Amino acid sequence: MPESVQIIISVIIVVLVYILTLMATGWWTKRVSLRIIKELESKGAVNASTAISLPYAKSKLFNLGYRDYRPKALEALVMHGVVCKTFNDQYYLDKEKISEHQKMAVK
């Protein structure tokens, strides 16, 4: 096999591995986001007066073990407005946004 074909095949493999890694990270972040929503629902954090603090809201600088996707997933939920943050770093669900996102997912 010529060397140029080997280089092209290896570049294609690297690109495919990169794409699969991005897809897996997105899939895992989605699963973690759904778990955060379920946790907030089960604890009854549905408005500012019932907001709760989450121990994983801040990411650690030095973390041993597996990567923790919860801080990034929580940040994404806050950015999309599904989860709201109070001034004293407590979190609660915005039920209107959740129903809005569910309606969009059905379409």
C-alpha atoms as a PDB file:
ATOM      1  CA  MET A   1       0.000   0.000   0.000  1.00  0.00           C
ATOM      2  CA  PRO A   2       1.463   3.396  -0.893  1.00  0.00           C
ATOM      3  CA  GLU A   3       2.474   5.728   1.889  1.00  0.00           C
ATOM      4  CA  SER A   4       0.061   8.469   0.781  1.00  0.00           C
ATOM      5  CA  VAL A   5      -2.915   6.096   1.109  1.00  0.00           C
ATOM      6  CA  GLN A   6      -1.781   5.129   4.617  1.00  0.00           C
ATOM      7  CA  ILE A   7      -1.611   8.790   5.612  1.00  0.00           C
ATOM      8  CA  ILE A   8      -5.075   9.492   4.210  1.00  0.00           C
ATOM      9  CA  ILE A   9      -6.553   6.475   6.011  1.00  0.00           C
ATOM     10  CA  SER A  10      -4.909   7.477   9.308  1.00  0.00           C
ATOM     11  CA  VAL A  11      -6.238  11.062   9.004  1.00  0.00           C
ATOM     12  CA  ILE A  12      -9.739   9.718   8.330  1.00  0.00           C
ATOM     13  CA  ILE A  13      -9.498   7.445  11.381  1.00  0.00           C
ATOM     14  CA  VAL A  14      -8.379  10.337  13.603  1.00  0.00           C
ATOM     15  CA  VAL A  15     -11.264  12.506  12.371  1.00  0.00           C
ATOM     16  CA  LEU A  16     -13.770   9.686  12.983  1.00  0.00           C
ATOM     17  CA  VAL A  17     -12.451   9.095  16.513  1.00  0.00           C
ATOM     18  CA  TYR A  18     -12.726  12.838  17.209  1.00  0.00           C
ATOM     19  CA  ILE A  19     -16.331  12.957  15.961  1.00  0.00           C
ATOM     20  CA  LEU A  20     -17.292   9.869  17.976  1.00  0.00           C
ATOM     21  CA  THR A  21     -15.719  11.395  21.078  1.00  0.00           C
ATOM     22  CA  LEU A  22     -17.747  14.587  20.635  1.00  0.00           C
ATOM     23  CA  MET A  23     -20.929  12.569  20.162  1.00  0.00           C
ATOM     24  CA  ALA A  24     -20.253  10.461  23.249  1.00  0.00           C
ATOM     25  CA  THR A  25     -19.555  13.548  25.360  1.00  0.00           C
ATOM     26  CA  GLY A  26     -22.784  15.162  24.173  1.00  0.00           C
ATOM     27  CA  TRP A  27     -24.749  12.000  24.898  1.00  0.00           C
ATOM     28  CA  TRP A  28     -23.305  11.734  28.397  1.00  0.00           C
ATOM     29  CA  THR A  29     -23.930  15.431  29.129  1.00  0.00           C
ATOM     30  CA  LYS A  30     -27.559  15.002  28.054  1.00  0.00           C
ATOM     31  CA  ARG A  31     -27.991  12.053  30.415  1.00  0.00           C
ATOM     32  CA  VAL A  32     -26.455  14.011  33.291  1.00  0.00           C
ATOM     33  CA  SER A  33     -28.706  17.000  32.507  1.00  0.00           C
ATOM     34  CA  LEU A  34     -31.783  14.794  32.730  1.00  0.00           C
ATOM     35  CA  ARG A  35     -30.555  13.454  36.083  1.00  0.00           C
ATOM     36  CA  ILE A  36     -30.109  17.008  37.389  1.00  0.00           C
ATOM     37  CA  ILE A  37     -33.653  17.880  36.319  1.00  0.00           C
ATOM     38  CA  LYS A  38     -35.023  14.761  38.033  1.00  0.00           C
ATOM     39  CA  GLU A  39     -33.059  15.576  41.190  1.00  0.00           C
ATOM     40  CA  LEU A  40     -34.445  19.108  41.326  1.00  0.00           C
ATOM     41  CA  GLU A  41     -37.975  17.808  40.709  1.00  0.00           C
ATOM     42  CA  SER A  42     -37.677  15.145  43.409  1.00  0.00           C
ATOM     43  CA  LYS A  43     -36.428  17.695  45.947  1.00  0.00           C
ATOM     44  CA  GLY A  44     -39.255  20.082  45.045  1.00  0.00           C
ATOM     45  CA  ALA A  45     -37.062  22.940  43.821  1.00  0.00           C
ATOM     46  CA  VAL A  46     -39.588  24.524  41.455  1.00  0.00           C
ATOM     47  CA  ASN A  47     -39.403  28.193  42.468  1.00  0.00           C
ATOM     48  CA  ALA A  48     -37.022  30.639  44.132  1.00  0.00           C
ATOM     49  CA  SER A  49     -38.392  30.036  47.636  1.00  0.00           C
ATOM     50  CA  THR A  50     -37.770  26.272  47.402  1.00  0.00           C
ATOM     51  CA  ALA A  51     -34.404  26.518  45.639  1.00  0.00           C
ATOM     52  CA  ILE A  52     -31.647  24.181  46.796  1.00  0.00           C
ATOM     53  CA  SER A  53     -27.887  24.338  46.687  1.00  0.00           C
ATOM     54  CA  LEU A  54     -26.127  21.705  44.631  1.00  0.00           C
ATOM     55  CA  PRO A  55     -22.729  20.406  45.784  1.00  0.00           C
ATOM     56  CA  TYR A  56     -21.452  19.943  42.238  1.00  0.00           C
ATOM     57  CA  ALA A  57     -22.289  23.458  41.040  1.00  0.00           C
ATOM     58  CA  LYS A  58     -18.629  24.465  41.105  1.00  0.00           C
ATOM     59  CA  SER A  59     -16.047  22.362  39.332  1.00  0.00           C
ATOM     60  CA  LYS A  60     -12.916  21.422  41.240  1.00  0.00           C
ATOM     61  CA  LEU A  61      -9.482  22.437  40.057  1.00  0.00           C
ATOM     62  CA  PHE A  62      -7.930  19.076  40.821  1.00  0.00           C
ATOM     63  CA  ASN A  63     -10.154  16.041  40.467  1.00  0.00           C
ATOM     64  CA  LEU A  64      -9.089  12.441  40.866  1.00  0.00           C
ATOM     65  CA  GLY A  65     -11.033   9.753  39.046  1.00  0.00           C
ATOM     66  CA  TYR A  66     -13.533  10.031  36.253  1.00  0.00           C
ATOM     67  CA  ARG A  67     -14.543  13.313  34.679  1.00  0.00           C
ATOM     68  CA  ASP A  68     -17.505  14.965  36.354  1.00  0.00           C
ATOM     69  CA  TYR A  69     -19.947  16.241  33.724  1.00  0.00           C
ATOM     70  CA  ARG A  70     -22.415  17.668  36.245  1.00  0.00           C
ATOM     71  CA  PRO A  71     -20.976  21.220  36.499  1.00  0.00           C
ATOM     72  CA  LYS A  72     -20.945  21.671  32.708  1.00  0.00           C
ATOM     73  CA  ALA A  73     -24.413  20.130  32.350  1.00  0.00           C
ATOM     74  CA  LEU A  74     -25.754  22.429  35.078  1.00  0.00           C
ATOM     75  CA  GLU A  75     -24.132  25.404  33.350  1.00  0.00           C
ATOM     76  CA  ALA A  76     -25.821  24.428  30.071  1.00  0.00           C
ATOM     77  CA  LEU A  77     -29.202  24.078  31.801  1.00  0.00           C
ATOM     78  CA  VAL A  78     -28.817  27.529  33.360  1.00  0.00           C
ATOM     79  CA  MET A  79     -27.761  29.006  30.021  1.00  0.00           C
ATOM     80  CA  HIS A  80     -30.878  27.584  28.317  1.00  0.00           C
ATOM     81  CA  GLY A  81     -33.116  28.807  31.135  1.00  0.00           C
ATOM     82  CA  VAL A  82     -34.349  25.375  32.218  1.00  0.00           C
ATOM     83  CA  VAL A  83     -32.691  25.797  35.618  1.00  0.00           C
ATOM     84  CA  CYS A  84     -32.563  29.183  37.330  1.00  0.00           C
ATOM     85  CA  LYS A  85     -29.919  30.372  39.771  1.00  0.00           C
ATOM     86  CA  THR A  86     -30.649  32.600  42.754  1.00  0.00           C
ATOM     87  CA  PHE A  87     -28.312  35.254  44.115  1.00  0.00           C
ATOM     88  CA  ASN A  88     -27.132  32.986  46.935  1.00  0.00           C
ATOM     89  CA  ASP A  89     -26.071  30.181  44.541  1.00  0.00           C
ATOM     90  CA  GLN A  90     -29.149  28.012  44.839  1.00  0.00           C
ATOM     91  CA  TYR A  91     -30.927  26.381  41.903  1.00  0.00           C
ATOM     92  CA  TYR A  92     -34.524  25.658  40.929  1.00  0.00           C
ATOM     93  CA  LEU A  93     -36.443  24.490  37.856  1.00  0.00           C
ATOM     94  CA  ASP A  94     -38.376  26.742  35.534  1.00  0.00           C
ATOM     95  CA  LYS A  95     -41.438  24.616  34.780  1.00  0.00           C
ATOM     96  CA  GLU A  96     -42.494  26.782  31.806  1.00  0.00           C
ATOM     97  CA  LYS A  97     -39.159  26.255  30.045  1.00  0.00           C
ATOM     98  CA  ILE A  98     -39.302  22.500  30.658  1.00  0.00           C
ATOM     99  CA  SER A  99     -42.767  22.241  29.117  1.00  0.00           C
ATOM    100  CA  GLU A 100     -41.573  24.440  26.226  1.00  0.00           C
ATOM    101  CA  HIS A 101     -38.616  22.156  25.557  1.00  0.00           C
ATOM    102  CA  GLN A 102     -40.820  19.065  25.791  1.00  0.00           C
ATOM    103  CA  LYS A 103     -43.213  20.526  23.204  1.00  0.00           C
ATOM    104  CA  MET A 104     -40.285  21.248  20.887  1.00  0.00           C
ATOM    105  CA  ALA A 105     -38.964  17.696  21.325  1.00  0.00           C
ATOM    106  CA  VAL A 106     -42.326  16.208  20.333  1.00  0.00           C
ATOM    107  CA  LYS A 107     -42.488  18.161  17.060  1.00  0.00           C
END
